[in-house]
Amino acid sequence: MADEEEENQKANPVGMYGHIGEAWKRPGEGDMKHLQWERGIQYRHENSFVRVEHPTRLDRARTLGYRAKQGFVVVRARVRRGSFRKHRINKGRRAKRKGEKKITLAKNLQQVAEERTAKRYPNMEVLNSYWIYQDGKNKYYEIILVDPHHPVIKKDPKINWICEKQHTSRVNRGLTSSGKKSRGLRHKGTGAEKARGK
């Protein structure tokens, strides 16, 4: 039996949830295309923030730290796509200086979704998030939240670091993965001195 398990692991090196990950590499093709189309209809009829029982992308959620135990919550968040819109100014300015279009945040929309979700769940801490769907108007992310006051979380040595006070409001300080990306922390070493934020 052990030999068979080793052979199966060699044949499928991506792990137990590898088939899920392979399907999500091309969500617009094959069976996933119709499934995503149906999900898009459902998402558009729901509220901007919906708590879900199970992650849509189980492989990605587990990679980012999710575990199916008490204290973990997954929320699907919707944010509108595109840059900011501002009212047209009717006073004296050049058209160039009106500032109506091309007003883009330094943050990415994933970080915006995390911050808005954290605002609606003030007793939870954002662990991480991942993309699940987008259409012409909106992007949808699933946010992994952790309750730092839950006894199960406090006893788990793999996640109880989030119970420490220095990790309070970590999403608002850009400490999640998407936050570090918008701060330029993905680029390190020589040549990245001015690219890195604070």
N, C-alpha and C. Protein backbone atom coordinates (compact mmCIF):
# COMPACT_ATOMS: atom_id res chain seq x y z
N MET A 1 0.83 -1.20 0.00
CA MET A 1 0.00 0.00 0.00
C MET A 1 0.87 1.26 0.00
N ALA A 2 1.96 1.22 0.77
CA ALA A 2 2.83 2.40 0.84
C ALA A 2 3.45 2.69 -0.52
N ASP A 3 3.82 1.62 -1.25
CA ASP A 3 4.40 1.83 -2.58
C ASP A 3 3.39 2.47 -3.53
N GLU A 4 2.13 2.04 -3.43
CA GLU A 4 1.10 2.62 -4.29
C GLU A 4 0.89 4.10 -3.98
N GLU A 5 0.92 4.47 -2.68
CA GLU A 5 0.75 5.86 -2.30
C GLU A 5 1.90 6.71 -2.82
N GLU A 6 3.13 6.18 -2.74
CA GLU A 6 4.28 6.92 -3.26
C GLU A 6 4.17 7.13 -4.77
N GLU A 7 3.71 6.09 -5.48
CA GLU A 7 3.55 6.23 -6.93
C GLU A 7 2.47 7.26 -7.27
N ASN A 8 1.39 7.26 -6.48
CA ASN A 8 0.33 8.25 -6.73
C ASN A 8 0.83 9.66 -6.47
N GLN A 9 1.66 9.84 -5.44
CA GLN A 9 2.20 11.16 -5.15
C GLN A 9 3.14 11.63 -6.26
N LYS A 10 3.93 10.68 -6.82
CA LYS A 10 4.81 11.05 -7.92
C LYS A 10 4.01 11.40 -9.18
N ALA A 11 2.93 10.66 -9.40
CA ALA A 11 2.10 10.93 -10.58
C ALA A 11 1.34 12.25 -10.43
N ASN A 12 0.99 12.61 -9.20
CA ASN A 12 0.26 13.85 -8.93
C ASN A 12 1.04 14.69 -7.93
N PRO A 13 2.07 15.40 -8.37
CA PRO A 13 2.94 16.11 -7.43
C PRO A 13 2.32 17.35 -6.81
N VAL A 14 1.19 17.82 -7.32
CA VAL A 14 0.62 19.06 -6.82
C VAL A 14 -0.18 18.88 -5.54
N GLY A 15 -0.36 17.66 -5.07
CA GLY A 15 -0.99 17.45 -3.78
C GLY A 15 -2.42 16.98 -3.86
N MET A 16 -3.06 16.92 -2.67
CA MET A 16 -4.40 16.36 -2.56
C MET A 16 -5.43 17.18 -3.34
N TYR A 17 -5.27 18.51 -3.36
CA TYR A 17 -6.24 19.38 -4.02
C TYR A 17 -5.73 19.85 -5.37
N GLY A 18 -4.85 19.08 -5.96
CA GLY A 18 -4.24 19.48 -7.22
C GLY A 18 -5.23 19.62 -8.35
N HIS A 19 -6.24 18.74 -8.38
CA HIS A 19 -7.23 18.82 -9.46
C HIS A 19 -8.03 20.12 -9.39
N ILE A 20 -8.23 20.65 -8.17
CA ILE A 20 -8.93 21.93 -8.03
C ILE A 20 -8.06 23.06 -8.57
N GLY A 21 -6.79 23.01 -8.22
CA GLY A 21 -5.87 24.04 -8.69
C GLY A 21 -5.71 24.05 -10.20
N GLU A 22 -5.67 22.86 -10.78
CA GLU A 22 -5.54 22.76 -12.24
C GLU A 22 -6.76 23.35 -12.93
N ALA A 23 -7.95 23.11 -12.39
CA ALA A 23 -9.16 23.66 -12.98
C ALA A 23 -9.19 25.18 -12.90
N TRP A 24 -8.68 25.74 -11.79
CA TRP A 24 -8.70 27.18 -11.60
C TRP A 24 -7.62 27.90 -12.38
N LYS A 25 -6.68 27.17 -12.97
CA LYS A 25 -5.68 27.83 -13.82
C LYS A 25 -6.31 28.38 -15.08
N ARG A 26 -7.41 27.75 -15.54
CA ARG A 26 -8.12 28.19 -16.75
C ARG A 26 -9.62 28.25 -16.44
N PRO A 27 -10.07 29.24 -15.65
CA PRO A 27 -11.48 29.28 -15.26
C PRO A 27 -12.43 29.61 -16.40
N GLY A 28 -11.90 30.06 -17.53
CA GLY A 28 -12.75 30.40 -18.66
C GLY A 28 -12.84 29.33 -19.72
N GLU A 29 -12.38 28.11 -19.38
CA GLU A 29 -12.37 27.03 -20.36
C GLU A 29 -13.04 25.79 -19.77
N GLY A 30 -13.53 24.93 -20.67
CA GLY A 30 -14.08 23.64 -20.28
C GLY A 30 -15.30 23.75 -19.39
N ASP A 31 -15.38 22.82 -18.42
CA ASP A 31 -16.52 22.79 -17.50
C ASP A 31 -16.57 24.02 -16.59
N MET A 32 -15.39 24.57 -16.29
CA MET A 32 -15.32 25.74 -15.41
C MET A 32 -16.01 26.95 -16.03
N LYS A 33 -16.00 27.04 -17.35
CA LYS A 33 -16.60 28.20 -18.02
C LYS A 33 -18.09 28.30 -17.71
N HIS A 34 -18.81 27.19 -17.84
CA HIS A 34 -20.24 27.20 -17.56
C HIS A 34 -20.50 27.38 -16.06
N LEU A 35 -19.66 26.77 -15.22
CA LEU A 35 -19.82 26.89 -13.78
C LEU A 35 -19.63 28.33 -13.33
N GLN A 36 -18.60 28.99 -13.87
CA GLN A 36 -18.36 30.38 -13.53
C GLN A 36 -19.49 31.29 -14.03
N TRP A 37 -20.04 30.97 -15.17
CA TRP A 37 -21.16 31.75 -15.71
C TRP A 37 -22.37 31.68 -14.77
N GLU A 38 -22.65 30.49 -14.26
CA GLU A 38 -23.76 30.32 -13.32
C GLU A 38 -23.47 31.04 -12.00
N ARG A 39 -22.23 30.94 -11.54
CA ARG A 39 -21.88 31.61 -10.30
C ARG A 39 -21.99 33.13 -10.44
N GLY A 40 -21.61 33.66 -11.59
CA GLY A 40 -21.69 35.09 -11.81
C GLY A 40 -23.11 35.61 -11.68
N ILE A 41 -24.07 34.85 -12.19
CA ILE A 41 -25.48 35.24 -12.06
C ILE A 41 -25.89 35.27 -10.59
N GLN A 42 -25.45 34.26 -9.85
CA GLN A 42 -25.79 34.20 -8.42
C GLN A 42 -25.14 35.35 -7.65
N TYR A 43 -23.86 35.61 -7.92
CA TYR A 43 -23.14 36.66 -7.20
C TYR A 43 -23.76 38.03 -7.41
N ARG A 44 -24.22 38.29 -8.64
CA ARG A 44 -24.76 39.61 -8.95
C ARG A 44 -26.10 39.87 -8.23
N HIS A 45 -26.80 38.82 -7.85
CA HIS A 45 -28.08 38.99 -7.16
C HIS A 45 -27.92 39.04 -5.64
N GLU A 46 -26.72 38.81 -5.15
CA GLU A 46 -26.49 38.80 -3.71
C GLU A 46 -25.91 40.13 -3.24
N ASN A 47 -25.77 40.27 -1.94
CA ASN A 47 -25.21 41.48 -1.36
C ASN A 47 -23.71 41.58 -1.63
N SER A 48 -23.16 42.73 -1.30
CA SER A 48 -21.73 42.96 -1.54
C SER A 48 -20.85 42.07 -0.67
N PHE A 49 -21.34 41.72 0.52
CA PHE A 49 -20.56 40.90 1.45
C PHE A 49 -21.44 39.75 1.92
N VAL A 50 -21.00 38.54 1.61
CA VAL A 50 -21.79 37.34 1.93
C VAL A 50 -20.86 36.34 2.61
N ARG A 51 -21.26 35.88 3.79
CA ARG A 51 -20.49 34.83 4.46
C ARG A 51 -20.81 33.48 3.82
N VAL A 52 -19.79 32.73 3.47
CA VAL A 52 -19.97 31.44 2.79
C VAL A 52 -19.55 30.32 3.73
N GLU A 53 -20.18 29.17 3.57
CA GLU A 53 -19.90 28.03 4.44
C GLU A 53 -18.54 27.40 4.13
N HIS A 54 -18.24 27.27 2.83
CA HIS A 54 -17.00 26.62 2.43
C HIS A 54 -16.31 27.47 1.36
N PRO A 55 -14.99 27.49 1.33
CA PRO A 55 -14.29 28.26 0.29
C PRO A 55 -14.58 27.72 -1.10
N THR A 56 -14.70 28.62 -2.06
CA THR A 56 -14.90 28.21 -3.45
C THR A 56 -13.65 27.56 -4.01
N ARG A 57 -12.50 28.09 -3.64
CA ARG A 57 -11.21 27.52 -4.07
C ARG A 57 -10.52 26.94 -2.84
N LEU A 58 -10.83 25.69 -2.54
CA LEU A 58 -10.32 25.08 -1.32
C LEU A 58 -8.80 24.98 -1.32
N ASP A 59 -8.20 24.67 -2.47
CA ASP A 59 -6.75 24.56 -2.53
C ASP A 59 -6.07 25.89 -2.22
N ARG A 60 -6.59 26.97 -2.80
CA ARG A 60 -6.00 28.29 -2.58
C ARG A 60 -6.21 28.75 -1.14
N ALA A 61 -7.38 28.48 -0.60
CA ALA A 61 -7.68 28.89 0.77
C ALA A 61 -6.75 28.20 1.77
N ARG A 62 -6.52 26.91 1.56
CA ARG A 62 -5.64 26.17 2.48
C ARG A 62 -4.19 26.63 2.33
N THR A 63 -3.79 26.98 1.12
CA THR A 63 -2.45 27.51 0.92
C THR A 63 -2.24 28.81 1.70
N LEU A 64 -3.30 29.61 1.79
CA LEU A 64 -3.21 30.90 2.47
C LEU A 64 -3.49 30.81 3.96
N GLY A 65 -3.70 29.61 4.49
CA GLY A 65 -3.81 29.44 5.93
C GLY A 65 -5.17 29.01 6.44
N TYR A 66 -6.16 28.86 5.56
CA TYR A 66 -7.50 28.47 6.02
C TYR A 66 -7.51 27.03 6.51
N ARG A 67 -8.26 26.78 7.59
CA ARG A 67 -8.49 25.43 8.08
C ARG A 67 -9.97 25.31 8.44
N ALA A 68 -10.54 24.14 8.22
CA ALA A 68 -11.97 23.92 8.49
C ALA A 68 -12.16 23.65 9.98
N LYS A 69 -12.04 24.70 10.77
CA LYS A 69 -12.22 24.58 12.22
C LYS A 69 -12.86 25.86 12.74
N GLN A 70 -13.27 25.80 13.98
CA GLN A 70 -13.91 26.97 14.59
C GLN A 70 -12.93 28.13 14.65
N GLY A 71 -13.47 29.32 14.46
CA GLY A 71 -12.63 30.52 14.49
C GLY A 71 -12.28 31.04 13.12
N PHE A 72 -12.45 30.23 12.06
CA PHE A 72 -12.19 30.65 10.69
C PHE A 72 -13.51 30.99 10.00
N VAL A 73 -13.53 32.08 9.27
CA VAL A 73 -14.72 32.53 8.54
C VAL A 73 -14.28 32.96 7.15
N VAL A 74 -15.09 32.62 6.14
CA VAL A 74 -14.82 33.04 4.76
C VAL A 74 -15.97 33.92 4.30
N VAL A 75 -15.63 35.09 3.76
CA VAL A 75 -16.61 36.05 3.28
C VAL A 75 -16.32 36.39 1.83
N ARG A 76 -17.35 36.35 1.00
CA ARG A 76 -17.21 36.76 -0.40
C ARG A 76 -17.53 38.25 -0.50
N ALA A 77 -16.57 39.02 -1.05
CA ALA A 77 -16.70 40.47 -1.14
C ALA A 77 -16.73 40.90 -2.60
N ARG A 78 -17.53 41.93 -2.86
CA ARG A 78 -17.63 42.50 -4.21
C ARG A 78 -17.16 43.94 -4.20
N VAL A 79 -16.28 44.31 -5.13
CA VAL A 79 -15.84 45.69 -5.30
C VAL A 79 -15.97 46.08 -6.76
N ARG A 80 -16.31 47.32 -7.02
CA ARG A 80 -16.48 47.76 -8.40
C ARG A 80 -15.11 47.93 -9.06
N ARG A 81 -15.06 47.70 -10.36
CA ARG A 81 -13.81 47.80 -11.10
C ARG A 81 -13.62 49.22 -11.62
N GLY A 82 -12.40 49.52 -12.00
CA GLY A 82 -12.10 50.80 -12.63
C GLY A 82 -11.59 51.83 -11.64
N SER A 83 -11.24 53.00 -12.17
CA SER A 83 -10.71 54.07 -11.34
C SER A 83 -11.85 54.86 -10.70
N PHE A 84 -11.49 55.84 -9.89
CA PHE A 84 -12.49 56.64 -9.20
C PHE A 84 -13.20 57.59 -10.17
N ARG A 85 -14.41 57.97 -9.84
CA ARG A 85 -15.14 58.96 -10.61
C ARG A 85 -15.35 60.20 -9.74
N LYS A 86 -15.25 61.37 -10.36
CA LYS A 86 -15.48 62.62 -9.63
C LYS A 86 -16.43 63.49 -10.42
N HIS A 87 -17.11 64.40 -9.72
CA HIS A 87 -18.06 65.28 -10.37
C HIS A 87 -17.33 66.28 -11.27
N ARG A 88 -18.01 66.66 -12.32
CA ARG A 88 -17.43 67.61 -13.26
C ARG A 88 -17.39 69.00 -12.62
N ILE A 89 -16.24 69.68 -12.73
CA ILE A 89 -16.06 71.02 -12.19
C ILE A 89 -16.44 72.05 -13.26
N ASN A 90 -17.31 72.97 -12.91
CA ASN A 90 -17.78 73.96 -13.88
C ASN A 90 -17.08 75.31 -13.75
N LYS A 91 -16.12 75.42 -12.87
CA LYS A 91 -15.37 76.68 -12.70
C LYS A 91 -14.16 76.68 -13.63
N GLY A 92 -13.42 77.77 -13.54
CA GLY A 92 -12.33 77.96 -14.49
C GLY A 92 -11.13 77.06 -14.26
N ARG A 93 -10.95 76.14 -15.16
CA ARG A 93 -9.77 75.27 -15.16
C ARG A 93 -9.56 74.78 -16.58
N ARG A 94 -8.34 74.41 -16.85
CA ARG A 94 -8.10 73.68 -18.08
C ARG A 94 -8.73 72.30 -17.96
N ALA A 95 -9.11 71.74 -19.07
CA ALA A 95 -9.72 70.40 -19.04
C ALA A 95 -8.78 69.40 -18.39
N LYS A 96 -7.49 69.60 -18.62
CA LYS A 96 -6.48 68.69 -18.07
C LYS A 96 -6.50 68.69 -16.54
N ARG A 97 -6.85 69.84 -15.95
CA ARG A 97 -6.77 70.00 -14.49
C ARG A 97 -8.10 69.74 -13.80
N LYS A 98 -9.10 69.32 -14.53
CA LYS A 98 -10.40 69.08 -13.89
C LYS A 98 -10.37 67.85 -13.00
N GLY A 99 -9.53 66.88 -13.33
CA GLY A 99 -9.39 65.71 -12.48
C GLY A 99 -10.62 64.83 -12.43
N GLU A 100 -11.17 64.54 -13.59
CA GLU A 100 -12.37 63.70 -13.63
C GLU A 100 -12.05 62.24 -13.84
N LYS A 101 -11.05 61.98 -14.64
CA LYS A 101 -10.74 60.60 -15.03
C LYS A 101 -9.31 60.24 -14.65
N LYS A 102 -9.02 58.96 -14.80
CA LYS A 102 -7.67 58.44 -14.56
C LYS A 102 -7.20 58.73 -13.13
N ILE A 103 -8.13 58.68 -12.20
CA ILE A 103 -7.78 58.85 -10.78
C ILE A 103 -7.74 57.46 -10.18
N THR A 104 -6.57 56.94 -10.02
CA THR A 104 -6.40 55.55 -9.62
C THR A 104 -5.74 55.46 -8.25
N LEU A 105 -6.25 54.60 -7.39
CA LEU A 105 -5.66 54.38 -6.07
C LEU A 105 -4.31 53.68 -6.18
N ALA A 106 -3.46 53.93 -5.21
CA ALA A 106 -2.22 53.16 -5.11
C ALA A 106 -2.51 51.75 -4.62
N LYS A 107 -3.64 51.58 -3.93
CA LYS A 107 -4.04 50.25 -3.46
C LYS A 107 -4.64 49.47 -4.62
N ASN A 108 -4.55 48.16 -4.54
CA ASN A 108 -5.26 47.33 -5.51
C ASN A 108 -6.66 47.01 -4.96
N LEU A 109 -7.55 46.58 -5.86
CA LEU A 109 -8.93 46.34 -5.46
C LEU A 109 -9.05 45.21 -4.45
N GLN A 110 -8.11 44.27 -4.47
CA GLN A 110 -8.14 43.18 -3.50
C GLN A 110 -7.93 43.71 -2.09
N GLN A 111 -7.02 44.66 -1.95
CA GLN A 111 -6.80 45.26 -0.64
C GLN A 111 -8.01 46.07 -0.20
N VAL A 112 -8.66 46.76 -1.13
CA VAL A 112 -9.88 47.51 -0.81
C VAL A 112 -10.96 46.56 -0.30
N ALA A 113 -11.10 45.40 -0.97
CA ALA A 113 -12.09 44.41 -0.54
C ALA A 113 -11.79 43.90 0.86
N GLU A 114 -10.51 43.67 1.17
CA GLU A 114 -10.13 43.20 2.50
C GLU A 114 -10.46 44.23 3.57
N GLU A 115 -10.17 45.50 3.29
CA GLU A 115 -10.42 46.55 4.27
C GLU A 115 -11.91 46.73 4.54
N ARG A 116 -12.71 46.67 3.47
CA ARG A 116 -14.15 46.83 3.65
C ARG A 116 -14.75 45.65 4.40
N THR A 117 -14.21 44.47 4.17
CA THR A 117 -14.70 43.29 4.89
C THR A 117 -14.34 43.38 6.37
N ALA A 118 -13.11 43.82 6.67
CA ALA A 118 -12.68 43.96 8.06
C ALA A 118 -13.54 44.98 8.80
N LYS A 119 -14.01 46.00 8.09
CA LYS A 119 -14.86 47.01 8.71
C LYS A 119 -16.20 46.43 9.14
N ARG A 120 -16.69 45.43 8.38
CA ARG A 120 -17.97 44.82 8.69
C ARG A 120 -17.87 43.69 9.70
N TYR A 121 -16.66 43.20 9.94
CA TYR A 121 -16.44 42.16 10.95
C TYR A 121 -15.35 42.66 11.91
N PRO A 122 -15.70 43.60 12.80
CA PRO A 122 -14.68 44.26 13.63
C PRO A 122 -14.00 43.36 14.65
N ASN A 123 -14.61 42.23 14.98
CA ASN A 123 -13.99 41.33 15.96
C ASN A 123 -13.06 40.31 15.31
N MET A 124 -12.91 40.37 13.98
CA MET A 124 -12.09 39.39 13.26
C MET A 124 -10.86 40.07 12.68
N GLU A 125 -9.85 39.27 12.39
CA GLU A 125 -8.65 39.75 11.70
C GLU A 125 -8.57 39.10 10.32
N VAL A 126 -8.20 39.88 9.31
CA VAL A 126 -8.07 39.36 7.95
C VAL A 126 -6.76 38.59 7.84
N LEU A 127 -6.87 37.33 7.46
CA LEU A 127 -5.68 36.51 7.27
C LEU A 127 -5.14 36.68 5.86
N ASN A 128 -6.00 36.52 4.86
CA ASN A 128 -5.59 36.67 3.46
C ASN A 128 -6.83 36.62 2.58
N SER A 129 -6.64 36.68 1.27
CA SER A 129 -7.77 36.65 0.35
C SER A 129 -7.31 36.15 -1.01
N TYR A 130 -8.27 35.84 -1.87
CA TYR A 130 -7.95 35.35 -3.21
C TYR A 130 -9.11 35.68 -4.16
N TRP A 131 -8.79 35.77 -5.45
CA TRP A 131 -9.75 36.11 -6.49
C TRP A 131 -10.63 34.91 -6.81
N ILE A 132 -11.92 35.17 -7.09
CA ILE A 132 -12.79 34.06 -7.51
C ILE A 132 -13.56 34.36 -8.80
N TYR A 133 -13.87 35.66 -9.06
CA TYR A 133 -14.68 35.94 -10.26
C TYR A 133 -14.61 37.43 -10.56
N GLN A 134 -14.80 37.78 -11.83
CA GLN A 134 -14.94 39.17 -12.21
C GLN A 134 -15.77 39.26 -13.48
N ASP A 135 -16.48 40.37 -13.62
CA ASP A 135 -17.22 40.65 -14.84
C ASP A 135 -16.88 42.08 -15.26
N GLY A 136 -17.70 42.67 -16.12
CA GLY A 136 -17.38 43.98 -16.63
C GLY A 136 -17.47 45.09 -15.59
N LYS A 137 -18.21 44.88 -14.51
CA LYS A 137 -18.44 45.93 -13.53
C LYS A 137 -17.75 45.69 -12.19
N ASN A 138 -17.62 44.41 -11.79
CA ASN A 138 -17.16 44.11 -10.43
C ASN A 138 -16.09 43.03 -10.42
N LYS A 139 -15.38 43.01 -9.30
CA LYS A 139 -14.47 41.90 -9.00
C LYS A 139 -14.93 41.28 -7.68
N TYR A 140 -14.76 39.97 -7.58
CA TYR A 140 -15.20 39.23 -6.40
C TYR A 140 -14.00 38.50 -5.78
N TYR A 141 -13.87 38.66 -4.47
CA TYR A 141 -12.80 38.00 -3.73
C TYR A 141 -13.40 37.27 -2.54
N GLU A 142 -12.72 36.23 -2.10
CA GLU A 142 -13.09 35.57 -0.85
C GLU A 142 -12.03 35.91 0.19
N ILE A 143 -12.48 36.45 1.30
CA ILE A 143 -11.61 36.92 2.37
C ILE A 143 -11.62 35.90 3.50
N ILE A 144 -10.44 35.49 3.95
CA ILE A 144 -10.31 34.56 5.07
C ILE A 144 -10.15 35.39 6.35
N LEU A 145 -11.08 35.22 7.27
CA LEU A 145 -11.04 35.94 8.54
C LEU A 145 -10.79 34.96 9.68
N VAL A 146 -10.12 35.45 10.72
CA VAL A 146 -9.81 34.64 11.90
C VAL A 146 -10.25 35.40 13.14
N ASP A 147 -10.89 34.69 14.07
CA ASP A 147 -11.30 35.29 15.33
C ASP A 147 -10.18 35.10 16.35
N PRO A 148 -9.42 36.16 16.67
CA PRO A 148 -8.28 36.00 17.59
C PRO A 148 -8.66 35.72 19.03
N HIS A 149 -9.96 35.87 19.36
CA HIS A 149 -10.42 35.64 20.73
C HIS A 149 -11.01 34.25 20.91
N HIS A 150 -11.08 33.46 19.86
CA HIS A 150 -11.69 32.13 19.95
C HIS A 150 -10.71 31.17 20.63
N PRO A 151 -11.18 30.36 21.58
CA PRO A 151 -10.26 29.45 22.29
C PRO A 151 -9.58 28.43 21.37
N VAL A 152 -10.26 28.00 20.31
CA VAL A 152 -9.65 27.05 19.38
C VAL A 152 -8.46 27.69 18.67
N ILE A 153 -8.60 28.96 18.29
CA ILE A 153 -7.51 29.68 17.62
C ILE A 153 -6.35 29.91 18.60
N LYS A 154 -6.68 30.22 19.84
CA LYS A 154 -5.63 30.48 20.83
C LYS A 154 -4.80 29.24 21.13
N LYS A 155 -5.42 28.05 21.00
CA LYS A 155 -4.71 26.81 21.31
C LYS A 155 -3.94 26.25 20.13
N ASP A 156 -4.23 26.74 18.92
CA ASP A 156 -3.59 26.20 17.72
C ASP A 156 -2.23 26.87 17.52
N PRO A 157 -1.12 26.14 17.62
CA PRO A 157 0.21 26.77 17.49
C PRO A 157 0.52 27.30 16.10
N LYS A 158 -0.25 26.86 15.09
CA LYS A 158 0.03 27.33 13.73
C LYS A 158 -0.60 28.69 13.42
N ILE A 159 -1.62 29.06 14.17
CA ILE A 159 -2.33 30.30 13.86
C ILE A 159 -2.44 31.23 15.06
N ASN A 160 -2.03 30.80 16.25
CA ASN A 160 -2.24 31.66 17.42
C ASN A 160 -1.34 32.90 17.44
N TRP A 161 -0.43 33.02 16.46
CA TRP A 161 0.36 34.25 16.35
C TRP A 161 -0.54 35.46 16.09
N ILE A 162 -1.70 35.22 15.46
CA ILE A 162 -2.58 36.34 15.12
C ILE A 162 -3.29 36.89 16.35
N CYS A 163 -3.21 36.17 17.48
CA CYS A 163 -3.83 36.64 18.72
C CYS A 163 -2.98 37.70 19.42
N GLU A 164 -1.73 37.85 19.01
CA GLU A 164 -0.85 38.82 19.66
C GLU A 164 -1.23 40.24 19.24
N LYS A 165 -1.00 41.18 20.14
CA LYS A 165 -1.52 42.54 19.95
C LYS A 165 -0.88 43.27 18.77
N GLN A 166 0.35 42.88 18.37
CA GLN A 166 0.98 43.58 17.26
C GLN A 166 0.34 43.25 15.91
N HIS A 167 -0.55 42.25 15.88
CA HIS A 167 -1.24 41.90 14.63
C HIS A 167 -2.67 42.45 14.57
N THR A 168 -2.99 43.36 15.49
CA THR A 168 -4.30 44.00 15.46
C THR A 168 -4.41 44.92 14.25
N SER A 169 -5.54 44.88 13.56
CA SER A 169 -5.80 45.73 12.38
C SER A 169 -4.69 45.60 11.35
N ARG A 170 -4.26 44.38 11.11
CA ARG A 170 -3.14 44.18 10.17
C ARG A 170 -3.53 44.55 8.75
N VAL A 171 -4.81 44.40 8.39
CA VAL A 171 -5.22 44.72 7.02
C VAL A 171 -5.12 46.22 6.76
N ASN A 172 -5.39 47.05 7.77
CA ASN A 172 -5.34 48.50 7.59
C ASN A 172 -3.91 49.04 7.57
N ARG A 173 -2.97 48.21 7.93
CA ARG A 173 -1.56 48.61 7.89
C ARG A 173 -0.82 47.96 6.72
N GLY A 174 -1.58 47.33 5.81
CA GLY A 174 -0.96 46.76 4.62
C GLY A 174 -0.08 45.56 4.90
N LEU A 175 -0.49 44.70 5.84
CA LEU A 175 0.33 43.56 6.21
C LEU A 175 -0.16 42.25 5.60
N THR A 176 -1.25 42.30 4.85
CA THR A 176 -1.67 41.10 4.11
C THR A 176 -0.86 41.01 2.82
N SER A 177 -1.05 39.91 2.09
CA SER A 177 -0.28 39.72 0.87
C SER A 177 -0.56 40.80 -0.16
N SER A 178 -1.83 41.13 -0.39
CA SER A 178 -2.17 42.17 -1.36
C SER A 178 -1.69 43.54 -0.89
N GLY A 179 -1.71 43.77 0.43
CA GLY A 179 -1.21 45.03 0.96
C GLY A 179 0.28 45.19 0.74
N LYS A 180 1.03 44.12 0.94
CA LYS A 180 2.47 44.18 0.71
C LYS A 180 2.80 44.38 -0.76
N LYS A 181 1.94 43.83 -1.63
CA LYS A 181 2.15 44.01 -3.07
C LYS A 181 1.99 45.47 -3.46
N SER A 182 0.95 46.14 -2.96
CA SER A 182 0.73 47.54 -3.31
C SER A 182 1.78 48.44 -2.68
N ARG A 183 2.44 47.99 -1.62
CA ARG A 183 3.49 48.77 -0.98
C ARG A 183 4.85 48.55 -1.63
N GLY A 184 4.89 47.67 -2.63
CA GLY A 184 6.14 47.43 -3.34
C GLY A 184 7.08 46.47 -2.65
N LEU A 185 6.57 45.66 -1.73
CA LEU A 185 7.44 44.78 -0.94
C LEU A 185 7.74 43.46 -1.64
N ARG A 186 7.20 43.27 -2.85
CA ARG A 186 7.51 42.05 -3.59
C ARG A 186 8.90 42.14 -4.24
N HIS A 187 9.39 43.37 -4.43
CA HIS A 187 10.68 43.59 -5.08
C HIS A 187 11.72 43.88 -4.01
N LYS A 188 12.77 43.08 -3.98
CA LYS A 188 13.79 43.22 -2.95
C LYS A 188 15.17 43.29 -3.59
N GLY A 189 16.11 43.78 -2.80
CA GLY A 189 17.50 43.78 -3.24
C GLY A 189 17.88 45.03 -4.01
N THR A 190 19.01 44.94 -4.70
CA THR A 190 19.56 46.07 -5.45
C THR A 190 18.61 46.48 -6.57
N GLY A 191 18.40 47.77 -6.67
CA GLY A 191 17.53 48.31 -7.70
C GLY A 191 16.11 48.55 -7.24
N ALA A 192 15.76 48.08 -6.03
CA ALA A 192 14.39 48.23 -5.53
C ALA A 192 14.32 49.24 -4.38
N GLU A 193 15.39 50.05 -4.22
CA GLU A 193 15.41 50.95 -3.08
C GLU A 193 14.30 51.99 -3.14
N LYS A 194 14.00 52.49 -4.35
CA LYS A 194 12.97 53.52 -4.49
C LYS A 194 11.61 52.94 -4.81
N ALA A 195 11.58 51.68 -5.20
CA ALA A 195 10.31 51.05 -5.53
C ALA A 195 9.55 50.62 -4.29
N ARG A 196 10.27 50.36 -3.22
CA ARG A 196 9.65 49.86 -1.99
C ARG A 196 9.05 51.01 -1.21
N GLY A 197 7.82 50.78 -0.75
CA GLY A 197 7.15 51.78 0.07
C GLY A 197 7.58 51.65 1.52
N LYS A 198 6.72 52.16 2.40
CA LYS A 198 7.04 52.12 3.83
C LYS A 198 6.37 50.93 4.48
